[in-house]
Amino acid sequence: MSSFDMKKIMKEKGVRQVDVCNALGVDKATVSGWCSGRRRIGLDYLVPLADFLGITTDEILGRAHIDEESIDYTRGFANGIKRAKTLSDLALDKLLETI
């Protein structure tokens, strides 16, 4: 998690430490430790923190940034799966109507 600069992200988002404390239900010492890098972000807080800051868990974990093209591809793939499921549900409904 060393490449994650929580202070920088918080500044960019206009978020204060107290905002993180209130959103995640942690004390100021915990958030201060996360910001300074003295304390690791626990798994229980990884997803809630990412959601609150509007970033990915990969960014917190220091993984490579995902570009918009990859995100669009993933969304398109997910939408294709949803459409296929909807078509399958329709086919199942038609089948059940015939029984």
Protein backbone atom coordinates (compact mmCIF):
# COMPACT_ATOMS: atom_id res chain seq x y z
CA MET A 1 0.00 0.00 0.00
CA SER A 2 3.04 2.24 -0.07
CA SER A 3 2.27 3.90 -3.42
CA PHE A 4 -1.20 4.98 -2.26
CA ASP A 5 -1.14 8.62 -1.18
CA MET A 6 -4.28 8.95 0.90
CA LYS A 7 -3.58 12.56 1.86
CA LYS A 8 -3.29 13.54 -1.81
CA ILE A 9 -6.52 11.75 -2.77
CA MET A 10 -8.37 13.31 0.17
CA LYS A 11 -7.13 16.77 -0.79
CA GLU A 12 -8.19 16.26 -4.43
CA LYS A 13 -11.65 15.14 -3.28
CA GLY A 14 -12.02 17.85 -0.64
CA VAL A 15 -12.33 15.25 2.11
CA ARG A 16 -11.11 15.81 5.66
CA GLN A 17 -9.91 13.15 8.09
CA VAL A 18 -13.00 13.70 10.22
CA ASP A 19 -15.17 12.95 7.16
CA VAL A 20 -13.44 9.59 6.74
CA CYS A 21 -13.80 8.93 10.48
CA ASN A 22 -17.53 9.59 10.37
CA ALA A 23 -18.13 7.65 7.15
CA LEU A 24 -16.22 4.54 8.25
CA GLY A 25 -16.79 4.69 12.00
CA VAL A 26 -13.11 4.79 12.90
CA ASP A 27 -11.19 7.13 15.18
CA LYS A 28 -8.95 9.97 14.09
CA ALA A 29 -5.78 8.11 15.09
CA THR A 30 -6.66 5.33 12.66
CA VAL A 31 -7.24 7.69 9.74
CA SER A 32 -4.13 9.67 10.64
CA GLY A 33 -2.14 6.43 10.58
CA TRP A 34 -3.55 5.55 7.16
CA CYS A 35 -2.68 9.03 5.83
CA SER A 36 0.86 8.92 7.14
CA GLY A 37 1.46 5.32 6.06
CA ARG A 38 2.22 4.25 9.64
CA ARG A 39 -0.87 2.06 9.69
CA ARG A 40 -2.19 -0.35 7.09
CA ILE A 41 -5.77 -0.18 5.93
CA GLY A 42 -7.49 -3.36 7.11
CA LEU A 43 -9.50 -5.53 4.77
CA ASP A 44 -12.69 -4.59 6.61
CA TYR A 45 -12.18 -0.97 5.55
CA LEU A 46 -10.70 -1.43 2.08
CA VAL A 47 -13.96 -1.44 0.07
CA PRO A 48 -15.82 1.13 2.22
CA LEU A 49 -12.84 3.52 2.00
CA ALA A 50 -12.55 3.10 -1.76
CA ASP A 51 -16.28 3.68 -2.17
CA PHE A 52 -16.19 6.75 0.06
CA LEU A 53 -13.23 8.26 -1.80
CA GLY A 54 -14.62 7.32 -5.21
CA ILE A 55 -11.58 5.28 -6.18
CA THR A 56 -10.87 1.60 -6.78
CA THR A 57 -9.48 -0.82 -4.24
CA ASP A 58 -6.68 -1.42 -6.77
CA GLU A 59 -5.62 2.20 -6.34
CA ILE A 60 -5.48 1.77 -2.57
CA LEU A 61 -3.48 -1.43 -2.96
CA GLY A 62 -1.04 0.34 -5.26
CA ARG A 63 -1.89 -1.64 -8.36
CA ALA A 64 -1.64 -0.07 -11.80
CA HIS A 65 -4.29 2.47 -12.64
CA ILE A 66 -7.08 1.09 -14.79
CA ASP A 67 -7.70 3.25 -17.84
CA GLU A 68 -11.14 4.33 -19.03
CA GLU A 69 -10.97 2.02 -22.05
CA SER A 70 -10.61 -1.01 -19.77
CA ILE A 71 -13.47 0.19 -17.60
CA ASP A 72 -15.68 0.71 -20.67
CA TYR A 73 -14.80 -2.77 -21.95
CA THR A 74 -15.66 -4.30 -18.56
CA ARG A 75 -18.94 -2.41 -18.38
CA GLY A 76 -19.80 -3.50 -21.92
CA PHE A 77 -19.04 -7.10 -21.05
CA ALA A 78 -21.18 -6.89 -17.91
CA ASN A 79 -24.04 -5.34 -19.88
CA GLY A 80 -23.78 -8.15 -22.44
CA ILE A 81 -24.11 -10.71 -19.64
CA LYS A 82 -27.17 -8.85 -18.30
CA ARG A 83 -28.77 -8.87 -21.76
CA ALA A 84 -28.06 -12.59 -22.18
CA LYS A 85 -29.60 -13.28 -18.78
CA THR A 86 -32.67 -11.24 -19.72
CA LEU A 87 -33.01 -13.19 -22.97
CA SER A 88 -32.62 -16.45 -21.07
CA ASP A 89 -35.29 -15.35 -18.62
CA LEU A 90 -37.62 -14.50 -21.52
CA ALA A 91 -36.97 -17.88 -23.15
CA LEU A 92 -37.68 -19.61 -19.84
CA ASP A 93 -40.91 -17.64 -19.44
CA LYS A 94 -42.00 -18.70 -22.96
CA LEU A 95 -41.17 -22.31 -22.16
CA LEU A 96 -43.17 -22.19 -18.94
CA GLU A 97 -46.14 -20.68 -20.80
CA THR A 98 -46.27 -23.73 -23.04
CA ILE A 99 -46.40 -26.20 -20.17
